Amino acid sequence: MRARLGFRGLGLCALVALAACGRLAGDEKKPPQLMNIKSASRSPDEFNILPTKPLQMPEDIASLPEPTPGGKNITDPTPEADAVAALGGNPALLERQAVPAGNGGLVNYAARFGTASDIRDVLAAEDLEYRRKNDGRLLERLFHVSVYFKAYAPMSLDQYAELERWRAVGARNVGAPPEGAQQEK
C-alpha cells in the first residue's frame, strides 16, 4: 500500500515538474524577459497621474478637438520639451531631425561602406534570438531572477582594460572609477 502511494506521489511530482518545464521553457511566442524589475508597491506611479499644469474648463465644450491617442493634449501639449527644460536642457533640440552641419563628415565616414535600411528590424530579430538562447535557467525563470547582465556579459566592454589600452598608446582620457567601487554600493 505504501509503495503504491509512494509511486503515485512520485508520479504526481514528476507530472507537475514536467508541466512547469513546458510552461516556462516552451513559450516561444512571448519574448524572453531578462530584466525582472517590479515596483515595491502596488500603487500607481504618481508621475503618470499627476497633472503638471492646472486643468481648465473650456468655454465651449463643442469646440474641443477629437481625442488623438498618443497625440498632444490641451493640458500638456509638449511633455518632452517641458521635461528637458526642467532638467536644464534646450527643448529646441528636440525638434531637429536633420544631421547638424558640423557632423556631416562624421556621418559620411560612418556610412562609407554603405548602410542597411532595415538595420533596426535585423538587430531586433537577432537580439530576440540571442535573448531566447540566454533566457536563464529554469529556477531563474521560475523565481523571476534578472539575468540581463549575465546574458550580455560577453558583449560588455571591460572599461579597465580599455583604459589601460588607451593609456599605453599615450591617448589622454578621463579616468574610470576604481575597480570594485561599483560593488561597494
N, C-alpha and C. Protein backbone atom coordinates (compact mmCIF):
# COMPACT_ATOMS: atom_id res chain seq x y z
N MET A 1 0.81 -1.19 0.00
CA MET A 1 0.00 0.00 0.00
C MET A 1 0.86 1.26 0.00
N ARG A 2 1.86 1.26 0.89
CA ARG A 2 2.73 2.43 0.95
C ARG A 2 3.53 2.60 -0.33
N ALA A 3 3.97 1.48 -0.90
CA ALA A 3 4.74 1.55 -2.14
C ALA A 3 3.90 2.12 -3.27
N ARG A 4 2.64 1.71 -3.35
CA ARG A 4 1.75 2.20 -4.39
C ARG A 4 1.51 3.71 -4.20
N LEU A 5 1.31 4.14 -2.94
CA LEU A 5 1.11 5.56 -2.65
C LEU A 5 2.38 6.36 -2.96
N GLY A 6 3.53 5.76 -2.67
CA GLY A 6 4.80 6.43 -2.97
C GLY A 6 5.01 6.61 -4.46
N PHE A 7 4.67 5.57 -5.24
CA PHE A 7 4.81 5.67 -6.69
C PHE A 7 3.84 6.70 -7.27
N ARG A 8 2.64 6.75 -6.73
CA ARG A 8 1.67 7.74 -7.20
C ARG A 8 2.14 9.16 -6.86
N GLY A 9 2.65 9.33 -5.66
CA GLY A 9 3.17 10.65 -5.26
C GLY A 9 4.35 11.07 -6.11
N LEU A 10 5.25 10.13 -6.37
CA LEU A 10 6.40 10.41 -7.22
C LEU A 10 5.96 10.75 -8.64
N GLY A 11 4.98 10.00 -9.15
CA GLY A 11 4.46 10.27 -10.49
C GLY A 11 3.79 11.63 -10.57
N LEU A 12 3.05 12.00 -9.52
CA LEU A 12 2.39 13.30 -9.49
C LEU A 12 3.43 14.43 -9.47
N CYS A 13 4.48 14.26 -8.67
CA CYS A 13 5.55 15.27 -8.64
C CYS A 13 6.23 15.40 -10.00
N ALA A 14 6.48 14.28 -10.65
CA ALA A 14 7.11 14.31 -11.97
C ALA A 14 6.20 14.99 -12.98
N LEU A 15 4.90 14.73 -12.91
CA LEU A 15 3.95 15.36 -13.82
C LEU A 15 3.91 16.87 -13.62
N VAL A 16 3.90 17.32 -12.37
CA VAL A 16 3.90 18.76 -12.07
C VAL A 16 5.20 19.40 -12.57
N ALA A 17 6.32 18.72 -12.36
CA ALA A 17 7.61 19.26 -12.81
C ALA A 17 7.65 19.38 -14.33
N LEU A 18 7.15 18.38 -15.03
CA LEU A 18 7.13 18.44 -16.49
C LEU A 18 6.20 19.53 -16.99
N ALA A 19 5.08 19.70 -16.33
CA ALA A 19 4.15 20.77 -16.73
C ALA A 19 4.78 22.13 -16.52
N ALA A 20 5.52 22.29 -15.42
CA ALA A 20 6.18 23.57 -15.16
C ALA A 20 7.27 23.83 -16.18
N CYS A 21 8.01 22.78 -16.56
CA CYS A 21 9.06 22.95 -17.58
C CYS A 21 8.45 23.37 -18.90
N GLY A 22 7.36 22.75 -19.27
CA GLY A 22 6.72 23.11 -20.53
C GLY A 22 6.20 24.52 -20.52
N ARG A 23 5.65 24.95 -19.39
CA ARG A 23 5.11 26.30 -19.30
C ARG A 23 6.22 27.33 -19.32
N LEU A 24 7.34 27.04 -18.67
CA LEU A 24 8.40 28.02 -18.57
C LEU A 24 9.33 28.01 -19.78
N ALA A 25 9.54 26.86 -20.38
CA ALA A 25 10.51 26.77 -21.47
C ALA A 25 9.86 26.70 -22.83
N GLY A 26 8.61 26.32 -22.92
CA GLY A 26 8.00 26.09 -24.22
C GLY A 26 7.28 27.27 -24.81
N ASP A 27 7.26 28.39 -24.16
CA ASP A 27 6.52 29.54 -24.66
C ASP A 27 7.39 30.33 -25.63
N GLU A 28 7.36 29.97 -26.90
CA GLU A 28 8.21 30.60 -27.90
C GLU A 28 7.61 31.90 -28.44
N LYS A 29 6.31 32.12 -28.24
CA LYS A 29 5.67 33.31 -28.78
C LYS A 29 6.03 34.55 -27.98
N LYS A 30 6.13 34.41 -26.68
CA LYS A 30 6.41 35.55 -25.81
C LYS A 30 7.91 35.81 -25.78
N PRO A 31 8.36 37.05 -25.98
CA PRO A 31 9.80 37.32 -25.91
C PRO A 31 10.33 37.12 -24.50
N PRO A 32 11.57 36.64 -24.36
CA PRO A 32 12.13 36.40 -23.04
C PRO A 32 12.28 37.70 -22.25
N GLN A 33 12.03 37.63 -20.97
CA GLN A 33 12.16 38.78 -20.08
C GLN A 33 13.43 38.58 -19.26
N LEU A 34 14.52 39.25 -19.66
CA LEU A 34 15.79 39.07 -18.96
C LEU A 34 15.90 39.97 -17.74
N MET A 35 15.28 41.15 -17.80
CA MET A 35 15.35 42.10 -16.70
C MET A 35 14.01 42.06 -15.97
N ASN A 36 14.00 41.56 -14.76
CA ASN A 36 12.77 41.43 -13.98
C ASN A 36 12.79 42.45 -12.85
N ILE A 37 12.23 43.61 -13.11
CA ILE A 37 12.18 44.68 -12.12
C ILE A 37 10.71 44.97 -11.84
N LYS A 38 10.36 45.02 -10.58
CA LYS A 38 8.99 45.32 -10.20
C LYS A 38 8.99 46.40 -9.13
N SER A 39 7.91 47.15 -9.09
CA SER A 39 7.74 48.17 -8.07
C SER A 39 7.51 47.49 -6.72
N ALA A 40 7.98 48.13 -5.67
CA ALA A 40 7.81 47.57 -4.33
C ALA A 40 6.36 47.69 -3.86
N SER A 41 5.63 48.63 -4.43
CA SER A 41 4.24 48.81 -4.01
C SER A 41 3.31 48.50 -5.18
N ARG A 42 2.04 48.31 -4.88
CA ARG A 42 1.06 48.03 -5.92
C ARG A 42 0.32 49.28 -6.34
N SER A 43 0.70 50.43 -5.81
CA SER A 43 0.01 51.67 -6.15
C SER A 43 0.51 52.19 -7.49
N PRO A 44 -0.28 53.04 -8.16
CA PRO A 44 0.15 53.56 -9.46
C PRO A 44 1.30 54.56 -9.31
N ASP A 45 2.02 54.74 -10.38
CA ASP A 45 3.12 55.70 -10.40
C ASP A 45 2.53 57.10 -10.36
N GLU A 46 2.93 57.88 -9.37
CA GLU A 46 2.32 59.20 -9.21
C GLU A 46 2.62 60.13 -10.37
N PHE A 47 3.72 59.92 -11.07
CA PHE A 47 4.05 60.80 -12.18
C PHE A 47 3.14 60.55 -13.39
N ASN A 48 2.54 59.39 -13.47
CA ASN A 48 1.63 59.11 -14.57
C ASN A 48 0.27 59.77 -14.39
N ILE A 49 -0.12 60.07 -13.18
CA ILE A 49 -1.46 60.60 -12.94
C ILE A 49 -1.45 62.03 -12.42
N LEU A 50 -0.30 62.60 -12.19
CA LEU A 50 -0.20 63.94 -11.64
C LEU A 50 -0.30 64.97 -12.76
N PRO A 51 -1.32 65.86 -12.75
CA PRO A 51 -1.37 66.89 -13.79
C PRO A 51 -0.27 67.92 -13.55
N THR A 52 0.50 68.22 -14.57
CA THR A 52 1.61 69.16 -14.41
C THR A 52 1.17 70.60 -14.57
N LYS A 53 0.05 70.83 -15.21
CA LYS A 53 -0.49 72.17 -15.37
C LYS A 53 -1.94 72.16 -14.88
N PRO A 54 -2.44 73.31 -14.44
CA PRO A 54 -3.81 73.32 -13.93
C PRO A 54 -4.82 73.00 -15.02
N LEU A 55 -5.84 72.22 -14.64
CA LEU A 55 -6.91 71.88 -15.58
C LEU A 55 -7.87 73.06 -15.68
N GLN A 56 -8.33 73.34 -16.89
CA GLN A 56 -9.27 74.45 -17.10
C GLN A 56 -10.45 73.95 -17.92
N MET A 57 -11.60 74.45 -17.59
CA MET A 57 -12.80 74.11 -18.34
C MET A 57 -12.90 75.04 -19.54
N PRO A 58 -13.04 74.49 -20.75
CA PRO A 58 -13.16 75.36 -21.92
C PRO A 58 -14.51 76.08 -21.92
N GLU A 59 -14.54 77.23 -22.63
CA GLU A 59 -15.79 78.00 -22.68
C GLU A 59 -16.86 77.24 -23.45
N ASP A 60 -16.47 76.55 -24.50
CA ASP A 60 -17.44 75.82 -25.30
C ASP A 60 -16.95 74.37 -25.46
N ILE A 61 -17.65 73.44 -24.87
CA ILE A 61 -17.24 72.04 -24.91
C ILE A 61 -17.32 71.48 -26.33
N ALA A 62 -18.22 72.01 -27.14
CA ALA A 62 -18.36 71.53 -28.52
C ALA A 62 -17.14 71.89 -29.36
N SER A 63 -16.36 72.89 -28.93
CA SER A 63 -15.19 73.30 -29.71
C SER A 63 -13.96 72.45 -29.42
N LEU A 64 -14.07 71.50 -28.50
CA LEU A 64 -12.93 70.65 -28.19
C LEU A 64 -12.58 69.76 -29.38
N PRO A 65 -11.30 69.56 -29.64
CA PRO A 65 -10.92 68.68 -30.76
C PRO A 65 -11.18 67.22 -30.42
N GLU A 66 -11.20 66.40 -31.45
CA GLU A 66 -11.36 64.96 -31.27
C GLU A 66 -10.13 64.42 -30.52
N PRO A 67 -10.32 63.45 -29.64
CA PRO A 67 -9.17 62.87 -28.95
C PRO A 67 -8.22 62.17 -29.93
N THR A 68 -6.94 62.35 -29.71
CA THR A 68 -5.92 61.70 -30.54
C THR A 68 -5.03 60.87 -29.62
N PRO A 69 -5.29 59.57 -29.50
CA PRO A 69 -4.45 58.74 -28.63
C PRO A 69 -2.99 58.81 -29.04
N GLY A 70 -2.14 59.10 -28.07
CA GLY A 70 -0.71 59.23 -28.34
C GLY A 70 -0.32 60.60 -28.86
N GLY A 71 -1.29 61.45 -29.13
CA GLY A 71 -1.01 62.79 -29.64
C GLY A 71 -0.94 63.82 -28.53
N LYS A 72 -0.92 65.08 -28.92
CA LYS A 72 -0.85 66.16 -27.95
C LYS A 72 -2.20 66.36 -27.28
N ASN A 73 -2.17 66.86 -26.05
CA ASN A 73 -3.41 67.18 -25.37
C ASN A 73 -3.38 68.64 -24.93
N ILE A 74 -4.53 69.15 -24.54
CA ILE A 74 -4.64 70.57 -24.22
C ILE A 74 -3.86 70.91 -22.95
N THR A 75 -3.90 70.05 -21.95
CA THR A 75 -3.26 70.34 -20.68
C THR A 75 -1.74 70.29 -20.77
N ASP A 76 -1.23 69.33 -21.52
CA ASP A 76 0.22 69.14 -21.59
C ASP A 76 0.63 68.91 -23.04
N PRO A 77 0.70 69.99 -23.85
CA PRO A 77 0.97 69.80 -25.28
C PRO A 77 2.40 69.37 -25.60
N THR A 78 3.36 69.72 -24.77
CA THR A 78 4.77 69.39 -25.05
C THR A 78 5.42 68.79 -23.81
N PRO A 79 5.08 67.56 -23.44
CA PRO A 79 5.64 66.99 -22.21
C PRO A 79 7.15 66.76 -22.28
N GLU A 80 7.66 66.30 -23.43
CA GLU A 80 9.10 66.05 -23.53
C GLU A 80 9.88 67.35 -23.44
N ALA A 81 9.42 68.39 -24.14
CA ALA A 81 10.11 69.68 -24.10
C ALA A 81 10.06 70.27 -22.69
N ASP A 82 8.95 70.12 -22.00
CA ASP A 82 8.85 70.61 -20.63
C ASP A 82 9.83 69.89 -19.71
N ALA A 83 9.97 68.58 -19.89
CA ALA A 83 10.90 67.81 -19.07
C ALA A 83 12.34 68.21 -19.36
N VAL A 84 12.67 68.42 -20.63
CA VAL A 84 14.03 68.83 -20.99
C VAL A 84 14.34 70.20 -20.40
N ALA A 85 13.39 71.12 -20.49
CA ALA A 85 13.59 72.46 -19.93
C ALA A 85 13.73 72.41 -18.41
N ALA A 86 12.94 71.56 -17.75
CA ALA A 86 13.01 71.45 -16.29
C ALA A 86 14.36 70.89 -15.84
N LEU A 87 14.98 70.07 -16.68
CA LEU A 87 16.28 69.50 -16.34
C LEU A 87 17.45 70.35 -16.82
N GLY A 88 17.15 71.54 -17.36
CA GLY A 88 18.20 72.46 -17.77
C GLY A 88 18.67 72.30 -19.19
N GLY A 89 17.97 71.54 -20.00
CA GLY A 89 18.36 71.34 -21.39
C GLY A 89 17.71 72.34 -22.32
N ASN A 90 17.96 72.18 -23.60
CA ASN A 90 17.41 73.06 -24.62
C ASN A 90 16.29 72.32 -25.35
N PRO A 91 15.02 72.70 -25.11
CA PRO A 91 13.91 71.99 -25.76
C PRO A 91 13.90 72.14 -27.27
N ALA A 92 14.55 73.17 -27.81
CA ALA A 92 14.57 73.36 -29.26
C ALA A 92 15.33 72.23 -29.96
N LEU A 93 16.23 71.58 -29.25
CA LEU A 93 17.00 70.49 -29.87
C LEU A 93 16.14 69.26 -30.15
N LEU A 94 14.98 69.16 -29.50
CA LEU A 94 14.09 68.03 -29.76
C LEU A 94 13.47 68.10 -31.15
N GLU A 95 13.36 69.29 -31.70
CA GLU A 95 12.70 69.48 -32.99
C GLU A 95 13.61 69.14 -34.17
N ARG A 96 14.91 69.10 -33.95
CA ARG A 96 15.83 68.84 -35.06
C ARG A 96 15.72 67.40 -35.53
N GLN A 97 15.64 67.22 -36.84
CA GLN A 97 15.59 65.88 -37.41
C GLN A 97 16.77 65.62 -38.33
N ALA A 98 17.33 66.66 -38.91
CA ALA A 98 18.44 66.50 -39.85
C ALA A 98 19.77 66.44 -39.10
N VAL A 99 20.79 65.99 -39.78
CA VAL A 99 22.12 65.93 -39.22
C VAL A 99 22.69 67.34 -39.17
N PRO A 100 23.20 67.80 -38.03
CA PRO A 100 23.80 69.13 -37.98
C PRO A 100 24.97 69.24 -38.96
N ALA A 101 25.19 70.45 -39.45
CA ALA A 101 26.22 70.67 -40.48
C ALA A 101 27.60 70.23 -40.01
N GLY A 102 27.91 70.42 -38.75
CA GLY A 102 29.22 70.05 -38.24
C GLY A 102 29.44 68.55 -38.17
N ASN A 103 28.40 67.76 -38.22
CA ASN A 103 28.52 66.31 -38.11
C ASN A 103 28.41 65.59 -39.45
N GLY A 104 28.30 66.33 -40.53
CA GLY A 104 28.17 65.71 -41.85
C GLY A 104 29.34 64.83 -42.21
N GLY A 105 30.55 65.28 -41.91
CA GLY A 105 31.74 64.49 -42.20
C GLY A 105 31.77 63.19 -41.41
N LEU A 106 31.38 63.25 -40.16
CA LEU A 106 31.34 62.06 -39.33
C LEU A 106 30.33 61.05 -39.86
N VAL A 107 29.15 61.54 -40.26
CA VAL A 107 28.12 60.65 -40.80
C VAL A 107 28.58 60.03 -42.11
N ASN A 108 29.20 60.81 -42.97
CA ASN A 108 29.71 60.28 -44.24
C ASN A 108 30.78 59.22 -44.01
N TYR A 109 31.67 59.45 -43.05
CA TYR A 109 32.71 58.48 -42.75
C TYR A 109 32.12 57.19 -42.21
N ALA A 110 31.12 57.31 -41.34
CA ALA A 110 30.49 56.11 -40.77
C ALA A 110 29.73 55.32 -41.83
N ALA A 111 29.23 55.99 -42.85
CA ALA A 111 28.43 55.33 -43.90
C ALA A 111 29.26 55.01 -45.14
N ARG A 112 30.57 55.03 -45.03
CA ARG A 112 31.42 54.85 -46.22
C ARG A 112 31.30 53.47 -46.85
N PHE A 113 30.93 52.46 -46.09
CA PHE A 113 30.76 51.11 -46.63
C PHE A 113 29.31 50.78 -46.91
N GLY A 114 28.44 51.75 -46.80
CA GLY A 114 27.02 51.55 -47.05
C GLY A 114 26.24 51.39 -45.76
N THR A 115 24.96 51.58 -45.87
CA THR A 115 24.08 51.42 -44.71
C THR A 115 22.92 50.51 -45.09
N ALA A 116 22.42 49.80 -44.12
CA ALA A 116 21.27 48.93 -44.33
C ALA A 116 20.02 49.67 -43.87
N SER A 117 19.03 49.73 -44.73
CA SER A 117 17.81 50.45 -44.37
C SER A 117 16.98 49.70 -43.34
N ASP A 118 17.15 48.39 -43.25
CA ASP A 118 16.37 47.59 -42.31
C ASP A 118 17.18 47.17 -41.09
N ILE A 119 18.18 47.97 -40.72
CA ILE A 119 19.08 47.59 -39.64
C ILE A 119 18.35 47.42 -38.32
N ARG A 120 17.34 48.24 -38.06
CA ARG A 120 16.61 48.12 -36.79
C ARG A 120 15.85 46.79 -36.72
N ASP A 121 15.22 46.39 -37.82
CA ASP A 121 14.49 45.12 -37.83
C ASP A 121 15.44 43.94 -37.70
N VAL A 122 16.57 44.00 -38.40
CA VAL A 122 17.56 42.92 -38.34
C VAL A 122 18.12 42.80 -36.92
N LEU A 123 18.47 43.95 -36.33
CA LEU A 123 19.02 43.94 -34.98
C LEU A 123 17.99 43.43 -33.96
N ALA A 124 16.74 43.83 -34.12
CA ALA A 124 15.69 43.37 -33.20
C ALA A 124 15.51 41.86 -33.31
N ALA A 125 15.54 41.31 -34.52
CA ALA A 125 15.39 39.86 -34.70
C ALA A 125 16.59 39.11 -34.12
N GLU A 126 17.80 39.62 -34.36
CA GLU A 126 18.99 38.97 -33.82
C GLU A 126 19.02 39.03 -32.30
N ASP A 127 18.60 40.16 -31.73
CA ASP A 127 18.59 40.30 -30.28
C ASP A 127 17.53 39.38 -29.65
N LEU A 128 16.39 39.25 -30.30
CA LEU A 128 15.36 38.34 -29.80
C LEU A 128 15.87 36.90 -29.78
N GLU A 129 16.55 36.50 -30.84
CA GLU A 129 17.13 35.15 -30.89
C GLU A 129 18.18 34.97 -29.79
N TYR A 130 19.02 35.99 -29.57
CA TYR A 130 20.05 35.92 -28.53
C TYR A 130 19.41 35.81 -27.15
N ARG A 131 18.34 36.61 -26.91
CA ARG A 131 17.66 36.55 -25.62
C ARG A 131 16.99 35.20 -25.40
N ARG A 132 16.48 34.59 -26.46
CA ARG A 132 15.86 33.26 -26.32
C ARG A 132 16.92 32.21 -25.96
N LYS A 133 18.13 32.36 -26.52
CA LYS A 133 19.20 31.40 -26.22
C LYS A 133 19.77 31.61 -24.82
N ASN A 134 19.68 32.83 -24.28
CA ASN A 134 20.27 33.16 -22.98
C ASN A 134 19.19 33.58 -21.99
N ASP A 135 18.14 32.81 -21.91
CA ASP A 135 16.97 33.18 -21.11
C ASP A 135 17.10 32.81 -19.64
N GLY A 136 18.17 32.23 -19.23
CA GLY A 136 18.32 31.86 -17.83
C GLY A 136 17.91 30.42 -17.59
N ARG A 137 18.26 29.95 -16.42
CA ARG A 137 17.93 28.58 -16.05
C ARG A 137 16.48 28.49 -15.59
N LEU A 138 16.03 27.28 -15.42
CA LEU A 138 14.63 27.03 -15.06
C LEU A 138 14.25 27.75 -13.77
N LEU A 139 15.05 27.61 -12.73
CA LEU A 139 14.70 28.25 -11.45
C LEU A 139 14.83 29.77 -11.53
N GLU A 140 15.73 30.28 -12.36
CA GLU A 140 15.82 31.74 -12.54
C GLU A 140 14.56 32.28 -13.20
N ARG A 141 14.03 31.55 -14.17
CA ARG A 141 12.77 31.97 -14.80
C ARG A 141 11.60 31.79 -13.85
N LEU A 142 11.61 30.72 -13.08
CA LEU A 142 10.52 30.43 -12.16
C LEU A 142 10.41 31.50 -11.08
N PHE A 143 11.54 31.95 -10.55
CA PHE A 143 11.54 32.94 -9.47
C PHE A 143 11.81 34.36 -9.97
N HIS A 144 11.75 34.58 -11.27
CA HIS A 144 11.89 35.91 -11.89
C HIS A 144 13.19 36.61 -11.47
N VAL A 145 14.29 35.90 -11.59
CA VAL A 145 15.61 36.47 -11.29
C VAL A 145 16.10 37.20 -12.54
N SER A 146 16.63 38.40 -12.37
CA SER A 146 17.16 39.14 -13.52
C SER A 146 18.45 38.48 -14.00
N VAL A 147 18.47 38.12 -15.28
CA VAL A 147 19.65 37.50 -15.87
C VAL A 147 20.22 38.38 -16.99
N TYR A 148 19.78 39.64 -17.05
CA TYR A 148 20.18 40.54 -18.12
C TYR A 148 21.69 40.73 -18.16
N PHE A 149 22.28 41.09 -17.02
CA PHE A 149 23.71 41.39 -17.01
C PHE A 149 24.54 40.14 -17.26
N LYS A 150 24.09 38.99 -16.79
CA LYS A 150 24.80 37.75 -17.05
C LYS A 150 24.70 37.37 -18.53
N ALA A 151 23.54 37.61 -19.14
CA ALA A 151 23.34 37.25 -20.54
C ALA A 151 24.19 38.11 -21.47
N TYR A 152 24.29 39.40 -21.17
CA TYR A 152 25.03 40.31 -22.04
C TYR A 152 26.47 40.54 -21.59
N ALA A 153 26.95 39.81 -20.60
CA ALA A 153 28.33 39.97 -20.13
C ALA A 153 29.37 39.74 -21.23
N PRO A 154 29.19 38.76 -22.14
CA PRO A 154 30.20 38.59 -23.20
C PRO A 154 30.29 39.79 -24.14
N MET A 155 29.25 40.60 -24.21
CA MET A 155 29.25 41.75 -25.12
C MET A 155 29.65 43.05 -24.43
N SER A 156 29.81 43.04 -23.12
CA SER A 156 30.11 44.29 -22.42
C SER A 156 31.60 44.61 -22.52
N LEU A 157 31.88 45.88 -22.47
CA LEU A 157 33.24 46.38 -22.59
C LEU A 157 33.92 46.34 -21.23
N ASP A 158 35.13 45.84 -21.20
CA ASP A 158 35.93 45.88 -19.97
C ASP A 158 36.56 47.26 -19.89
N GLN A 159 35.96 48.13 -19.08
CA GLN A 159 36.38 49.53 -19.07
C GLN A 159 37.82 49.70 -18.58
N TYR A 160 38.28 48.84 -17.68
CA TYR A 160 39.64 48.99 -17.17
C TYR A 160 40.67 48.55 -18.19
N ALA A 161 40.39 47.50 -18.94
CA ALA A 161 41.31 47.06 -19.99
C ALA A 161 41.39 48.11 -21.10
N GLU A 162 40.24 48.70 -21.46
CA GLU A 162 40.24 49.76 -22.48
C GLU A 162 40.99 50.98 -21.99
N LEU A 163 40.82 51.33 -20.73
CA LEU A 163 41.52 52.48 -20.16
C LEU A 163 43.03 52.27 -20.24
N GLU A 164 43.49 51.08 -19.88
CA GLU A 164 44.92 50.78 -19.95
C GLU A 164 45.41 50.74 -21.39
N ARG A 165 44.60 50.23 -22.31
CA ARG A 165 45.00 50.18 -23.72
C ARG A 165 45.20 51.58 -24.27
N TRP A 166 44.27 52.49 -23.97
CA TRP A 166 44.40 53.85 -24.47
C TRP A 166 45.54 54.60 -23.78
N ARG A 167 45.77 54.34 -22.51
CA ARG A 167 46.88 54.98 -21.82
C ARG A 167 48.22 54.48 -22.36
N ALA A 168 48.27 53.21 -22.77
CA ALA A 168 49.52 52.65 -23.29
C ALA A 168 49.93 53.30 -24.61
N VAL A 169 48.96 53.74 -25.41
CA VAL A 169 49.31 54.40 -26.67
C VAL A 169 49.46 55.91 -26.50
N GLY A 170 49.29 56.40 -25.26
CA GLY A 170 49.52 57.81 -24.99
C GLY A 170 48.32 58.71 -25.19
N ALA A 171 47.15 58.15 -25.36
CA ALA A 171 45.95 58.98 -25.56
C ALA A 171 45.48 59.52 -24.21
N ARG A 172 45.11 60.79 -24.21
CA ARG A 172 44.56 61.39 -22.99
C ARG A 172 43.11 60.95 -22.84
N ASN A 173 42.75 60.56 -21.65
CA ASN A 173 41.37 60.14 -21.41
C ASN A 173 41.00 60.40 -19.96
N VAL A 174 39.72 60.36 -19.72
CA VAL A 174 39.25 60.54 -18.35
C VAL A 174 39.41 59.22 -17.61
N GLY A 175 39.47 59.28 -16.32
CA GLY A 175 39.64 58.07 -15.53
C GLY A 175 38.32 57.37 -15.29
N ALA A 176 38.41 56.09 -15.06
CA ALA A 176 37.25 55.28 -14.69
C ALA A 176 37.22 55.17 -13.18
N PRO A 177 36.08 54.84 -12.60
CA PRO A 177 36.04 54.62 -11.15
C PRO A 177 36.99 53.49 -10.77
N PRO A 178 37.53 53.53 -9.58
CA PRO A 178 38.43 52.45 -9.17
C PRO A 178 37.72 51.10 -9.22
N GLU A 179 38.50 50.06 -9.51
CA GLU A 179 37.91 48.72 -9.58
C GLU A 179 37.32 48.35 -8.23
N GLY A 180 36.13 47.78 -8.27
CA GLY A 180 35.45 47.38 -7.05
C GLY A 180 34.58 48.47 -6.44
N ALA A 181 34.64 49.69 -6.97
CA ALA A 181 33.84 50.78 -6.41
C ALA A 181 32.36 50.56 -6.64
N GLN A 182 32.01 49.92 -7.75
CA GLN A 182 30.60 49.70 -8.06
C GLN A 182 30.00 48.60 -7.18
N GLN A 183 30.80 47.67 -6.72
CA GLN A 183 30.28 46.59 -5.90
C GLN A 183 30.06 47.02 -4.45
N GLU A 184 30.65 48.15 -4.03
CA GLU A 184 30.55 48.59 -2.65
C GLU A 184 29.16 49.10 -2.30
N LYS A 185 28.33 49.42 -3.27
CA LYS A 185 27.02 50.01 -3.01
C LYS A 185 26.13 49.12 -2.24
